[in-house]
Amino acid sequence: MIDALLALGVLVSFALVGGGLWLWRRDRKRALLMLAAGVVLLFNIVMWSTLPVMPTLPVAKG
């Protein structure tokens, strides 16, 4: 499930960056906001995909 969400996030971030570049000549303020949102989303995806796997500790009974 997490893989599908990360893949969707990558697609959305590429769409944001591409839209920001396309909008650059018309409205720079909105273009910069779109570029910033795309870059922040990519950083979040990199952080979530490179997290170390934490081993689960056995639960003590009794």
Protein backbone atom coordinates (compact mmCIF):
# COMPACT_ATOMS: atom_id res chain seq x y z
CA MET A 1 0.00 0.00 0.00
CA ILE A 2 2.79 2.41 0.88
CA ASP A 3 4.45 1.72 -2.48
CA ALA A 4 1.34 2.83 -4.34
CA LEU A 5 1.13 6.02 -2.29
CA LEU A 6 4.78 6.83 -2.89
CA ALA A 7 4.35 6.23 -6.63
CA LEU A 8 1.30 8.49 -6.67
CA GLY A 9 3.28 11.14 -4.79
CA VAL A 10 6.07 11.00 -7.37
CA LEU A 11 3.57 11.44 -10.19
CA VAL A 12 1.93 14.39 -8.43
CA SER A 13 5.29 16.03 -7.72
CA PHE A 14 6.31 15.70 -11.38
CA ALA A 15 2.97 17.22 -12.38
CA LEU A 16 3.51 20.13 -9.97
CA VAL A 17 7.04 20.80 -11.23
CA GLY A 18 5.95 20.51 -14.86
CA GLY A 19 2.98 22.79 -14.28
CA GLY A 20 5.18 25.29 -12.50
CA LEU A 21 7.61 25.37 -15.40
CA TRP A 22 4.75 25.72 -17.89
CA LEU A 23 3.18 28.54 -15.89
CA TRP A 24 6.49 30.40 -15.38
CA ARG A 25 5.92 33.05 -18.08
CA ARG A 26 2.32 33.81 -17.18
CA ASP A 27 2.26 34.01 -13.39
CA ARG A 28 5.57 33.68 -11.58
CA LYS A 29 4.08 33.73 -8.09
CA ARG A 30 1.87 30.71 -8.70
CA ALA A 31 4.64 29.00 -10.65
CA LEU A 32 7.05 29.37 -7.72
CA LEU A 33 4.42 28.02 -5.33
CA MET A 34 3.86 25.00 -7.57
CA LEU A 35 7.60 24.39 -7.90
CA ALA A 36 8.07 24.68 -4.14
CA ALA A 37 5.21 22.26 -3.45
CA GLY A 38 6.66 19.76 -5.93
CA VAL A 39 10.13 19.96 -4.40
CA VAL A 40 8.78 19.60 -0.84
CA LEU A 41 6.74 16.58 -1.90
CA LEU A 42 9.81 14.99 -3.52
CA PHE A 43 11.84 15.52 -0.33
CA ASN A 44 9.07 13.90 1.71
CA ILE A 45 9.03 10.92 -0.64
CA VAL A 46 12.80 10.56 -0.37
CA MET A 47 12.60 10.66 3.41
CA TRP A 48 9.79 8.10 3.59
CA SER A 49 11.43 5.74 1.10
CA THR A 50 14.82 5.75 2.85
CA LEU A 51 13.64 5.19 6.41
CA PRO A 52 15.40 2.27 8.07
CA VAL A 53 13.22 -0.71 8.89
CA MET A 54 12.80 -0.94 12.63
CA PRO A 55 12.76 -4.48 13.97
CA THR A 56 9.75 -5.35 16.07
CA LEU A 57 10.47 -6.36 19.63
CA PRO A 58 8.83 -9.45 21.04
CA VAL A 59 6.06 -8.74 23.53
CA ALA A 60 6.69 -10.12 27.00
CA LYS A 61 3.93 -12.38 28.27
CA GLY A 62 2.93 -12.56 31.84
